[in-house]
Protein backbone atom coordinates (compact mmCIF):
# COMPACT_ATOMS: atom_id res chain seq x y z
CA UNK A 1 20.08 -11.23 118.81
CA UNK A 2 20.37 -12.19 115.17
CA UNK A 3 20.74 -9.06 113.03
CA UNK A 4 19.30 -10.75 109.94
CA UNK A 5 16.06 -11.28 111.88
CA UNK A 6 15.96 -7.54 112.67
CA UNK A 7 16.49 -6.65 109.01
CA UNK A 8 13.63 -8.90 107.92
CA UNK A 9 11.48 -7.44 110.70
CA UNK A 10 12.09 -3.90 109.41
CA UNK A 11 11.06 -4.97 105.91
CA UNK A 12 7.90 -6.70 107.13
CA UNK A 13 6.83 -3.78 109.33
CA UNK A 14 7.31 -1.31 106.46
CA UNK A 15 5.42 -3.50 103.98
CA UNK A 16 2.51 -4.10 106.35
CA UNK A 17 2.22 -0.42 107.24
CA UNK A 18 2.21 0.58 103.56
CA UNK A 19 -0.41 -2.07 102.76
CA UNK A 20 -2.58 -0.90 105.65
CA UNK A 21 -2.32 2.72 104.51
CA UNK A 22 -3.12 1.78 100.91
CA UNK A 23 -6.14 -0.34 101.85
CA UNK A 24 -7.62 2.46 103.95
CA UNK A 25 -7.06 5.16 101.32
CA UNK A 26 -4.87 7.08 103.72
CA UNK A 27 -3.50 10.43 102.55
CA UNK A 28 -0.61 11.19 104.86
CA UNK A 29 0.38 14.65 106.06
CA UNK A 30 3.88 16.08 106.19
CA UNK A 31 4.89 14.38 109.47
CA UNK A 32 3.64 11.02 108.22
CA UNK A 33 5.62 11.45 104.99
CA UNK A 34 8.75 12.08 107.03
CA UNK A 35 8.13 8.94 109.09
CA UNK A 36 7.44 6.89 105.96
CA UNK A 37 10.58 8.26 104.32
CA UNK A 38 12.75 7.28 107.27
CA UNK A 39 11.16 3.82 107.57
CA UNK A 40 11.41 3.35 103.81
CA UNK A 41 15.08 4.26 103.89
CA UNK A 42 15.61 1.84 106.77
CA UNK A 43 13.89 -0.92 104.82
CA UNK A 44 16.06 -0.24 101.75
CA UNK A 45 19.19 -0.40 103.89
CA UNK A 46 17.94 -3.62 105.49
CA UNK A 47 17.26 -5.14 102.06
CA UNK A 48 20.74 -4.15 100.87
CA UNK A 49 22.34 -5.68 103.96
CA UNK A 50 20.39 -8.92 103.47
CA UNK A 51 21.37 -9.03 99.77
CA UNK A 52 25.04 -8.34 100.43
CA UNK A 53 25.09 -10.80 103.32
CA UNK A 54 23.71 -13.57 101.10
CA UNK A 55 26.44 -12.98 98.49
CA UNK A 56 29.20 -14.09 100.86
């Protein structure tokens, strides 16, 4: 499977979940913050990989 597709998928899933939470006025608890932190970190790593891959 194409890894670039997976990186874009991680970014899209994170963005959609944050938009959904923002639209519903969601105030996350401690577990949700941990999940969002991990998914946010994964999306940052994916964005960095996409950026560095495009520089080649």
